[in-house]
Protein backbone atom coordinates (compact mmCIF):
# COMPACT_ATOMS: atom_id res chain seq x y z
CA UNK A 1 0.00 0.00 0.00
CA UNK A 2 1.37 3.34 -0.95
CA UNK A 3 0.26 6.74 0.33
CA UNK A 4 1.86 10.14 0.23
CA UNK A 5 1.72 13.06 2.50
CA UNK A 6 3.53 16.17 1.45
CA UNK A 7 4.01 19.79 2.18
CA UNK A 8 3.38 22.07 -0.69
CA UNK A 9 5.41 25.16 -1.46
CA UNK A 10 4.16 28.52 -2.66
CA UNK A 11 2.59 28.62 -6.09
CA UNK A 12 4.89 29.80 -8.90
CA UNK A 13 2.35 32.55 -9.61
CA UNK A 14 2.74 33.88 -6.08
CA UNK A 15 6.52 33.78 -6.43
CA UNK A 16 6.30 35.70 -9.70
CA UNK A 17 4.13 38.36 -8.04
CA UNK A 18 6.56 38.62 -5.12
CA UNK A 19 9.48 39.01 -7.53
CA UNK A 20 7.63 41.80 -9.32
CA UNK A 21 7.05 43.52 -5.96
CA UNK A 22 10.77 43.27 -5.16
CA UNK A 23 11.75 44.71 -8.54
CA UNK A 24 9.24 47.58 -8.38
CA UNK A 25 10.28 48.44 -4.82
CA UNK A 26 13.95 48.41 -5.80
CA UNK A 27 13.30 50.73 -8.74
CA UNK A 28 11.31 53.15 -6.59
CA UNK A 29 13.96 53.13 -3.89
CA UNK A 30 16.67 53.80 -6.43
CA UNK A 31 14.67 56.64 -7.95
CA UNK A 32 14.14 58.27 -4.57
CA UNK A 33 17.82 58.17 -3.68
CA UNK A 34 18.93 59.31 -7.12
CA UNK A 35 16.63 62.34 -7.02
CA UNK A 36 18.23 63.38 -3.77
CA UNK A 37 15.28 63.54 -1.43
CA UNK A 38 17.60 62.94 1.44
CA UNK A 39 20.24 65.57 2.04
CA UNK A 40 22.80 66.32 4.70
CA UNK A 41 24.53 69.40 5.95
CA UNK A 42 27.97 67.88 6.51
CA UNK A 43 30.47 67.07 3.82
CA UNK A 44 34.12 66.31 3.30
CA UNK A 45 35.62 67.39 0.01
CA UNK A 46 38.73 66.04 -1.69
CA UNK A 47 40.49 69.30 -0.89
CA UNK A 48 41.53 68.37 2.65
CA UNK A 49 38.70 70.42 4.12
CA UNK A 50 35.58 69.30 5.90
CA UNK A 51 32.65 71.54 6.66
CA UNK A 52 29.36 71.53 8.52
CA UNK A 53 26.53 73.98 7.85
CA UNK A 54 23.79 74.91 10.27
CA UNK A 55 21.15 77.00 8.46
CA UNK A 56 18.55 78.92 10.44
CA UNK A 57 15.72 79.67 8.04
CA UNK A 58 11.94 79.14 8.07
CA UNK A 59 12.41 75.36 7.68
CA UNK A 60 15.97 74.15 7.19
CA UNK A 61 15.07 70.47 6.81
CA UNK A 62 12.64 71.16 3.98
CA UNK A 63 14.94 73.81 2.50
CA UNK A 64 12.38 76.62 2.65
CA UNK A 65 12.83 80.29 3.47
CA UNK A 66 10.43 83.24 3.39
CA UNK A 67 10.96 86.54 1.58
CA UNK A 68 12.19 89.44 3.74
CA UNK A 69 13.05 87.21 6.69
CA UNK A 70 16.62 87.05 7.99
CA UNK A 71 18.57 83.84 7.39
CA UNK A 72 21.48 82.95 9.66
CA UNK A 73 24.16 80.41 8.81
CA UNK A 74 26.85 78.88 10.98
CA UNK A 75 29.57 77.29 8.87
CA UNK A 76 32.35 75.30 10.55
CA UNK A 77 35.34 74.60 8.30
CA UNK A 78 38.20 72.30 9.35
CA UNK A 79 41.55 71.58 7.74
CA UNK A 80 42.06 67.80 7.76
CA UNK A 81 45.47 67.67 6.07
CA UNK A 82 48.98 68.79 6.98
CA UNK A 83 49.17 71.67 4.48
CA UNK A 84 47.52 75.09 4.79
CA UNK A 85 44.16 75.46 3.05
CA UNK A 86 42.36 78.53 1.70
CA UNK A 87 38.86 78.96 0.38
CA UNK A 88 35.63 80.93 0.38
CA UNK A 89 32.20 80.72 1.94
CA UNK A 90 29.67 82.15 -0.50
CA UNK A 91 25.98 82.91 -0.32
CA UNK A 92 24.41 83.17 -3.76
CA UNK A 93 20.97 83.72 -5.22
CA UNK A 94 20.66 82.55 -8.81
CA UNK A 95 24.01 83.46 -10.39
CA UNK A 96 24.64 86.47 -8.14
CA UNK A 97 26.99 86.32 -5.16
CA UNK A 98 25.36 88.06 -2.19
CA UNK A 99 28.15 87.47 0.33
CA UNK A 100 31.65 86.00 0.02
CA UNK A 101 33.92 85.43 3.01
CA UNK A 102 37.46 84.12 2.44
CA UNK A 103 39.21 81.89 4.98
CA UNK A 104 42.72 80.48 5.50
CA UNK A 105 43.40 77.51 7.77
CA UNK A 106 46.67 76.09 9.00
CA UNK A 107 47.26 72.44 9.82
CA UNK A 108 44.48 71.09 12.05
CA UNK A 109 42.77 74.47 12.37
CA UNK A 110 39.02 74.99 12.48
CA UNK A 111 37.13 78.20 11.73
CA UNK A 112 33.52 79.12 12.48
CA UNK A 113 31.98 81.61 10.06
CA UNK A 114 28.67 83.31 10.79
CA UNK A 115 26.56 84.81 8.01
CA UNK A 116 23.35 86.77 8.45
CA UNK A 117 21.39 87.85 5.39
CA UNK A 118 17.96 89.31 4.69
CA UNK A 119 16.28 87.13 2.05
CA UNK A 120 15.34 89.96 -0.32
CA UNK A 121 14.64 87.84 -3.41
CA UNK A 122 12.58 84.74 -4.14
CA UNK A 123 14.14 81.75 -5.84
CA UNK A 124 16.96 79.31 -5.11
CA UNK A 125 19.63 80.46 -2.66
CA UNK A 126 22.82 78.48 -2.09
CA UNK A 127 25.35 78.54 0.70
CA UNK A 128 28.59 76.86 -0.32
CA UNK A 129 32.16 76.29 0.77
CA UNK A 130 34.77 76.17 -1.98
CA UNK A 131 38.53 75.73 -2.07
CA UNK A 132 40.59 76.34 -5.21
CA UNK A 133 37.45 76.19 -7.33
CA UNK A 134 36.33 72.85 -5.85
CA UNK A 135 33.04 72.65 -3.95
CA UNK A 136 33.54 71.22 -0.46
CA UNK A 137 29.95 71.51 0.76
CA UNK A 138 26.74 73.27 -0.19
CA UNK A 139 23.20 73.78 1.00
CA UNK A 140 20.41 75.10 -1.24
CA UNK A 141 17.00 76.35 -0.23
CA UNK A 142 14.03 77.96 -1.92
CA UNK A 143 12.77 81.37 -0.79
CA UNK A 144 8.99 81.68 -1.05
CA UNK A 145 6.90 84.83 -1.39
CA UNK A 146 5.05 84.39 1.92
CA UNK A 147 4.44 81.95 4.77
CA UNK A 148 1.44 80.33 3.07
CA UNK A 149 3.60 79.33 0.08
CA UNK A 150 6.34 78.19 2.45
CA UNK A 151 3.90 76.06 4.46
CA UNK A 152 2.61 74.47 1.25
CA UNK A 153 6.18 73.65 0.16
CA UNK A 154 6.89 72.13 3.58
CA UNK A 155 3.73 70.01 3.31
CA UNK A 156 4.92 68.76 -0.10
CA UNK A 157 8.35 67.92 1.35
CA UNK A 158 6.77 66.05 4.28
CA UNK A 159 4.61 64.10 1.83
CA UNK A 160 7.73 63.10 -0.12
CA UNK A 161 9.39 61.97 3.11
CA UNK A 162 6.31 59.91 4.02
CA UNK A 163 6.31 58.15 0.65
CA UNK A 164 10.06 57.63 0.88
CA UNK A 165 9.66 55.93 4.26
CA UNK A 166 6.70 53.91 3.00
CA UNK A 167 8.77 52.75 0.03
CA UNK A 168 11.61 51.70 2.34
CA UNK A 169 9.19 49.67 4.45
CA UNK A 170 7.69 48.05 1.34
CA UNK A 171 11.16 47.29 0.05
CA UNK A 172 12.23 45.49 3.22
CA UNK A 173 8.90 43.65 3.50
CA UNK A 174 9.22 42.49 -0.11
CA UNK A 175 12.74 41.20 0.62
CA UNK A 176 11.35 39.22 3.56
CA UNK A 177 8.48 37.91 1.41
CA UNK A 178 10.94 36.93 -1.31
CA UNK A 179 13.13 35.07 1.18
CA UNK A 180 10.13 33.24 2.62
CA UNK A 181 8.82 32.26 -0.81
CA UNK A 182 12.27 31.07 -1.93
CA UNK A 183 12.57 28.96 1.22
CA UNK A 184 9.10 27.54 0.64
CA UNK A 185 9.88 26.67 -2.97
CA UNK A 186 13.06 24.90 -2.00
CA UNK A 187 11.17 22.48 0.21
CA UNK A 188 10.43 19.34 -1.73
CA UNK A 189 7.29 17.25 -1.03
CA UNK A 190 8.08 14.31 1.15
CA UNK A 191 6.66 10.91 0.27
CA UNK A 192 5.84 8.36 2.94
CA UNK A 193 5.53 4.76 1.79
CA UNK A 194 3.41 2.14 3.51
CA UNK A 195 4.27 -1.44 2.69
C-alpha atoms as a PDB file:
ATOM      1  CA  UNK A   1       0.000   0.000   0.000  1.00  0.00           C
ATOM      2  CA  UNK A   2       1.372   3.339  -0.954  1.00  0.00           C
ATOM      3  CA  UNK A   3       0.262   6.736   0.335  1.00  0.00           C
ATOM      4  CA  UNK A   4       1.861  10.138   0.232  1.00  0.00           C
ATOM      5  CA  UNK A   5       1.718  13.058   2.503  1.00  0.00           C
ATOM      6  CA  UNK A   6       3.527  16.174   1.445  1.00  0.00           C
ATOM      7  CA  UNK A   7       4.008  19.792   2.182  1.00  0.00           C
ATOM      8  CA  UNK A   8       3.381  22.073  -0.695  1.00  0.00           C
ATOM      9  CA  UNK A   9       5.411  25.157  -1.460  1.00  0.00           C
ATOM     10  CA  UNK A  10       4.163  28.518  -2.657  1.00  0.00           C
ATOM     11  CA  UNK A  11       2.590  28.624  -6.090  1.00  0.00           C
ATOM     12  CA  UNK A  12       4.892  29.800  -8.900  1.00  0.00           C
ATOM     13  CA  UNK A  13       2.351  32.547  -9.614  1.00  0.00           C
ATOM     14  CA  UNK A  14       2.740  33.884  -6.077  1.00  0.00           C
ATOM     15  CA  UNK A  15       6.522  33.776  -6.428  1.00  0.00           C
ATOM     16  CA  UNK A  16       6.305  35.697  -9.701  1.00  0.00           C
ATOM     17  CA  UNK A  17       4.134  38.362  -8.044  1.00  0.00           C
ATOM     18  CA  UNK A  18       6.563  38.624  -5.125  1.00  0.00           C
ATOM     19  CA  UNK A  19       9.482  39.009  -7.528  1.00  0.00           C
ATOM     20  CA  UNK A  20       7.635  41.804  -9.317  1.00  0.00           C
ATOM     21  CA  UNK A  21       7.051  43.525  -5.959  1.00  0.00           C
ATOM     22  CA  UNK A  22      10.766  43.268  -5.163  1.00  0.00           C
ATOM     23  CA  UNK A  23      11.751  44.712  -8.536  1.00  0.00           C
ATOM     24  CA  UNK A  24       9.244  47.581  -8.382  1.00  0.00           C
ATOM     25  CA  UNK A  25      10.278  48.435  -4.820  1.00  0.00           C
ATOM     26  CA  UNK A  26      13.948  48.413  -5.799  1.00  0.00           C
ATOM     27  CA  UNK A  27      13.303  50.727  -8.741  1.00  0.00           C
ATOM     28  CA  UNK A  28      11.309  53.147  -6.588  1.00  0.00           C
ATOM     29  CA  UNK A  29      13.957  53.127  -3.892  1.00  0.00           C
ATOM     30  CA  UNK A  30      16.674  53.797  -6.425  1.00  0.00           C
ATOM     31  CA  UNK A  31      14.667  56.640  -7.951  1.00  0.00           C
ATOM     32  CA  UNK A  32      14.144  58.270  -4.570  1.00  0.00           C
ATOM     33  CA  UNK A  33      17.819  58.173  -3.677  1.00  0.00           C
ATOM     34  CA  UNK A  34      18.928  59.309  -7.120  1.00  0.00           C
ATOM     35  CA  UNK A  35      16.626  62.345  -7.023  1.00  0.00           C
ATOM     36  CA  UNK A  36      18.228  63.376  -3.770  1.00  0.00           C
ATOM     37  CA  UNK A  37      15.276  63.543  -1.428  1.00  0.00           C
ATOM     38  CA  UNK A  38      17.595  62.942   1.444  1.00  0.00           C
ATOM     39  CA  UNK A  39      20.240  65.567   2.043  1.00  0.00           C
ATOM     40  CA  UNK A  40      22.798  66.323   4.700  1.00  0.00           C
ATOM     41  CA  UNK A  41      24.534  69.401   5.949  1.00  0.00           C
ATOM     42  CA  UNK A  42      27.973  67.876   6.510  1.00  0.00           C
ATOM     43  CA  UNK A  43      30.474  67.072   3.817  1.00  0.00           C
ATOM     44  CA  UNK A  44      34.122  66.310   3.296  1.00  0.00           C
ATOM     45  CA  UNK A  45      35.618  67.386   0.011  1.00  0.00           C
ATOM     46  CA  UNK A  46      38.733  66.035  -1.691  1.00  0.00           C
ATOM     47  CA  UNK A  47      40.492  69.299  -0.886  1.00  0.00           C
ATOM     48  CA  UNK A  48      41.534  68.367   2.652  1.00  0.00           C
ATOM     49  CA  UNK A  49      38.699  70.420   4.122  1.00  0.00           C
ATOM     50  CA  UNK A  50      35.580  69.302   5.902  1.00  0.00           C
ATOM     51  CA  UNK A  51      32.645  71.540   6.665  1.00  0.00           C
ATOM     52  CA  UNK A  52      29.363  71.530   8.516  1.00  0.00           C
ATOM     53  CA  UNK A  53      26.528  73.984   7.848  1.00  0.00           C
ATOM     54  CA  UNK A  54      23.787  74.910  10.270  1.00  0.00           C
ATOM     55  CA  UNK A  55      21.154  77.000   8.463  1.00  0.00           C
ATOM     56  CA  UNK A  56      18.548  78.918  10.440  1.00  0.00           C
ATOM     57  CA  UNK A  57      15.719  79.665   8.043  1.00  0.00           C
ATOM     58  CA  UNK A  58      11.941  79.140   8.065  1.00  0.00           C
ATOM     59  CA  UNK A  59      12.407  75.359   7.676  1.00  0.00           C
ATOM     60  CA  UNK A  60      15.974  74.153   7.191  1.00  0.00           C
ATOM     61  CA  UNK A  61      15.066  70.473   6.808  1.00  0.00           C
ATOM     62  CA  UNK A  62      12.635  71.161   3.978  1.00  0.00           C
ATOM     63  CA  UNK A  63      14.943  73.812   2.499  1.00  0.00           C
ATOM     64  CA  UNK A  64      12.376  76.616   2.652  1.00  0.00           C
ATOM     65  CA  UNK A  65      12.835  80.287   3.473  1.00  0.00           C
ATOM     66  CA  UNK A  66      10.428  83.243   3.389  1.00  0.00           C
ATOM     67  CA  UNK A  67      10.958  86.541   1.575  1.00  0.00           C
ATOM     68  CA  UNK A  68      12.187  89.442   3.740  1.00  0.00           C
ATOM     69  CA  UNK A  69      13.048  87.210   6.693  1.00  0.00           C
ATOM     70  CA  UNK A  70      16.618  87.051   7.990  1.00  0.00           C
ATOM     71  CA  UNK A  71      18.575  83.836   7.395  1.00  0.00           C
ATOM     72  CA  UNK A  72      21.482  82.948   9.658  1.00  0.00           C
ATOM     73  CA  UNK A  73      24.161  80.414   8.808  1.00  0.00           C
ATOM     74  CA  UNK A  74      26.848  78.882  10.976  1.00  0.00           C
ATOM     75  CA  UNK A  75      29.571  77.286   8.869  1.00  0.00           C
ATOM     76  CA  UNK A  76      32.346  75.302  10.548  1.00  0.00           C
ATOM     77  CA  UNK A  77      35.336  74.598   8.297  1.00  0.00           C
ATOM     78  CA  UNK A  78      38.196  72.301   9.347  1.00  0.00           C
ATOM     79  CA  UNK A  79      41.552  71.580   7.736  1.00  0.00           C
ATOM     80  CA  UNK A  80      42.056  67.802   7.764  1.00  0.00           C
ATOM     81  CA  UNK A  81      45.466  67.671   6.070  1.00  0.00           C
ATOM     82  CA  UNK A  82      48.984  68.791   6.976  1.00  0.00           C
ATOM     83  CA  UNK A  83      49.167  71.666   4.484  1.00  0.00           C
ATOM     84  CA  UNK A  84      47.520  75.091   4.793  1.00  0.00           C
ATOM     85  CA  UNK A  85      44.158  75.460   3.047  1.00  0.00           C
ATOM     86  CA  UNK A  86      42.355  78.527   1.697  1.00  0.00           C
ATOM     87  CA  UNK A  87      38.860  78.956   0.380  1.00  0.00           C
ATOM     88  CA  UNK A  88      35.631  80.931   0.383  1.00  0.00           C
ATOM     89  CA  UNK A  89      32.204  80.724   1.942  1.00  0.00           C
ATOM     90  CA  UNK A  90      29.667  82.148  -0.501  1.00  0.00           C
ATOM     91  CA  UNK A  91      25.976  82.907  -0.320  1.00  0.00           C
ATOM     92  CA  UNK A  92      24.405  83.172  -3.755  1.00  0.00           C
ATOM     93  CA  UNK A  93      20.966  83.717  -5.224  1.00  0.00           C
ATOM     94  CA  UNK A  94      20.663  82.549  -8.811  1.00  0.00           C
ATOM     95  CA  UNK A  95      24.006  83.462 -10.393  1.00  0.00           C
ATOM     96  CA  UNK A  96      24.643  86.472  -8.136  1.00  0.00           C
ATOM     97  CA  UNK A  97      26.989  86.319  -5.159  1.00  0.00           C
ATOM     98  CA  UNK A  98      25.361  88.060  -2.189  1.00  0.00           C
ATOM     99  CA  UNK A  99      28.152  87.469   0.330  1.00  0.00           C
ATOM    100  CA  UNK A 100      31.651  85.996   0.023  1.00  0.00           C
ATOM    101  CA  UNK A 101      33.918  85.434   3.009  1.00  0.00           C
ATOM    102  CA  UNK A 102      37.463  84.123   2.439  1.00  0.00           C
ATOM    103  CA  UNK A 103      39.209  81.891   4.976  1.00  0.00           C
ATOM    104  CA  UNK A 104      42.717  80.480   5.504  1.00  0.00           C
ATOM    105  CA  UNK A 105      43.398  77.515   7.773  1.00  0.00           C
ATOM    106  CA  UNK A 106      46.670  76.095   8.997  1.00  0.00           C
ATOM    107  CA  UNK A 107      47.256  72.445   9.823  1.00  0.00           C
ATOM    108  CA  UNK A 108      44.483  71.093  12.047  1.00  0.00           C
ATOM    109  CA  UNK A 109      42.766  74.474  12.371  1.00  0.00           C
ATOM    110  CA  UNK A 110      39.017  74.994  12.475  1.00  0.00           C
ATOM    111  CA  UNK A 111      37.127  78.197  11.732  1.00  0.00           C
ATOM    112  CA  UNK A 112      33.525  79.118  12.481  1.00  0.00           C
ATOM    113  CA  UNK A 113      31.983  81.612  10.064  1.00  0.00           C
ATOM    114  CA  UNK A 114      28.671  83.312  10.788  1.00  0.00           C
ATOM    115  CA  UNK A 115      26.556  84.812   8.015  1.00  0.00           C
ATOM    116  CA  UNK A 116      23.354  86.771   8.447  1.00  0.00           C
ATOM    117  CA  UNK A 117      21.386  87.852   5.386  1.00  0.00           C
ATOM    118  CA  UNK A 118      17.959  89.311   4.686  1.00  0.00           C
ATOM    119  CA  UNK A 119      16.278  87.135   2.046  1.00  0.00           C
ATOM    120  CA  UNK A 120      15.336  89.962  -0.319  1.00  0.00           C
ATOM    121  CA  UNK A 121      14.642  87.844  -3.412  1.00  0.00           C
ATOM    122  CA  UNK A 122      12.577  84.743  -4.136  1.00  0.00           C
ATOM    123  CA  UNK A 123      14.144  81.747  -5.838  1.00  0.00           C
ATOM    124  CA  UNK A 124      16.960  79.311  -5.106  1.00  0.00           C
ATOM    125  CA  UNK A 125      19.628  80.457  -2.662  1.00  0.00           C
ATOM    126  CA  UNK A 126      22.815  78.484  -2.088  1.00  0.00           C
ATOM    127  CA  UNK A 127      25.354  78.537   0.705  1.00  0.00           C
ATOM    128  CA  UNK A 128      28.595  76.859  -0.324  1.00  0.00           C
ATOM    129  CA  UNK A 129      32.162  76.293   0.775  1.00  0.00           C
ATOM    130  CA  UNK A 130      34.774  76.169  -1.978  1.00  0.00           C
ATOM    131  CA  UNK A 131      38.525  75.727  -2.073  1.00  0.00           C
ATOM    132  CA  UNK A 132      40.585  76.344  -5.212  1.00  0.00           C
ATOM    133  CA  UNK A 133      37.451  76.193  -7.332  1.00  0.00           C
ATOM    134  CA  UNK A 134      36.327  72.847  -5.850  1.00  0.00           C
ATOM    135  CA  UNK A 135      33.036  72.654  -3.950  1.00  0.00           C
ATOM    136  CA  UNK A 136      33.538  71.219  -0.462  1.00  0.00           C
ATOM    137  CA  UNK A 137      29.951  71.509   0.761  1.00  0.00           C
ATOM    138  CA  UNK A 138      26.744  73.273  -0.192  1.00  0.00           C
ATOM    139  CA  UNK A 139      23.198  73.782   1.003  1.00  0.00           C
ATOM    140  CA  UNK A 140      20.411  75.102  -1.238  1.00  0.00           C
ATOM    141  CA  UNK A 141      16.998  76.351  -0.233  1.00  0.00           C
ATOM    142  CA  UNK A 142      14.027  77.957  -1.923  1.00  0.00           C
ATOM    143  CA  UNK A 143      12.771  81.366  -0.787  1.00  0.00           C
ATOM    144  CA  UNK A 144       8.992  81.682  -1.048  1.00  0.00           C
ATOM    145  CA  UNK A 145       6.899  84.831  -1.394  1.00  0.00           C
ATOM    146  CA  UNK A 146       5.046  84.395   1.918  1.00  0.00           C
ATOM    147  CA  UNK A 147       4.437  81.953   4.770  1.00  0.00           C
ATOM    148  CA  UNK A 148       1.436  80.327   3.067  1.00  0.00           C
ATOM    149  CA  UNK A 149       3.599  79.334   0.080  1.00  0.00           C
ATOM    150  CA  UNK A 150       6.338  78.194   2.450  1.00  0.00           C
ATOM    151  CA  UNK A 151       3.899  76.064   4.462  1.00  0.00           C
ATOM    152  CA  UNK A 152       2.612  74.473   1.254  1.00  0.00           C
ATOM    153  CA  UNK A 153       6.181  73.648   0.160  1.00  0.00           C
ATOM    154  CA  UNK A 154       6.891  72.133   3.577  1.00  0.00           C
ATOM    155  CA  UNK A 155       3.734  70.009   3.305  1.00  0.00           C
ATOM    156  CA  UNK A 156       4.921  68.756  -0.101  1.00  0.00           C
ATOM    157  CA  UNK A 157       8.348  67.917   1.347  1.00  0.00           C
ATOM    158  CA  UNK A 158       6.770  66.049   4.281  1.00  0.00           C
ATOM    159  CA  UNK A 159       4.611  64.101   1.832  1.00  0.00           C
ATOM    160  CA  UNK A 160       7.725  63.097  -0.117  1.00  0.00           C
ATOM    161  CA  UNK A 161       9.392  61.974   3.106  1.00  0.00           C
ATOM    162  CA  UNK A 162       6.306  59.906   4.024  1.00  0.00           C
ATOM    163  CA  UNK A 163       6.309  58.149   0.654  1.00  0.00           C
ATOM    164  CA  UNK A 164      10.056  57.626   0.876  1.00  0.00           C
ATOM    165  CA  UNK A 165       9.662  55.929   4.261  1.00  0.00           C
ATOM    166  CA  UNK A 166       6.699  53.910   3.000  1.00  0.00           C
ATOM    167  CA  UNK A 167       8.770  52.752   0.034  1.00  0.00           C
ATOM    168  CA  UNK A 168      11.610  51.705   2.339  1.00  0.00           C
ATOM    169  CA  UNK A 169       9.190  49.670   4.454  1.00  0.00           C
ATOM    170  CA  UNK A 170       7.693  48.047   1.344  1.00  0.00           C
ATOM    171  CA  UNK A 171      11.164  47.286   0.051  1.00  0.00           C
ATOM    172  CA  UNK A 172      12.229  45.486   3.222  1.00  0.00           C
ATOM    173  CA  UNK A 173       8.900  43.652   3.498  1.00  0.00           C
ATOM    174  CA  UNK A 174       9.218  42.489  -0.108  1.00  0.00           C
ATOM    175  CA  UNK A 175      12.741  41.199   0.615  1.00  0.00           C
ATOM    176  CA  UNK A 176      11.353  39.217   3.564  1.00  0.00           C
ATOM    177  CA  UNK A 177       8.478  37.915   1.410  1.00  0.00           C
ATOM    178  CA  UNK A 178      10.939  36.930  -1.308  1.00  0.00           C
ATOM    179  CA  UNK A 179      13.132  35.075   1.181  1.00  0.00           C
ATOM    180  CA  UNK A 180      10.133  33.236   2.620  1.00  0.00           C
ATOM    181  CA  UNK A 181       8.821  32.260  -0.806  1.00  0.00           C
ATOM    182  CA  UNK A 182      12.267  31.074  -1.928  1.00  0.00           C
ATOM    183  CA  UNK A 183      12.571  28.958   1.224  1.00  0.00           C
ATOM    184  CA  UNK A 184       9.098  27.536   0.643  1.00  0.00           C
ATOM    185  CA  UNK A 185       9.885  26.671  -2.969  1.00  0.00           C
ATOM    186  CA  UNK A 186      13.059  24.900  -1.996  1.00  0.00           C
ATOM    187  CA  UNK A 187      11.172  22.481   0.215  1.00  0.00           C
ATOM    188  CA  UNK A 188      10.425  19.337  -1.732  1.00  0.00           C
ATOM    189  CA  UNK A 189       7.289  17.250  -1.029  1.00  0.00           C
ATOM    190  CA  UNK A 190       8.082  14.306   1.150  1.00  0.00           C
ATOM    191  CA  UNK A 191       6.660  10.912   0.275  1.00  0.00           C
ATOM    192  CA  UNK A 192       5.840   8.363   2.941  1.00  0.00           C
ATOM    193  CA  UNK A 193       5.532   4.763   1.792  1.00  0.00           C
ATOM    194  CA  UNK A 194       3.413   2.137   3.507  1.00  0.00           C
ATOM    195  CA  UNK A 195       4.271  -1.437   2.689  1.00  0.00           C
END
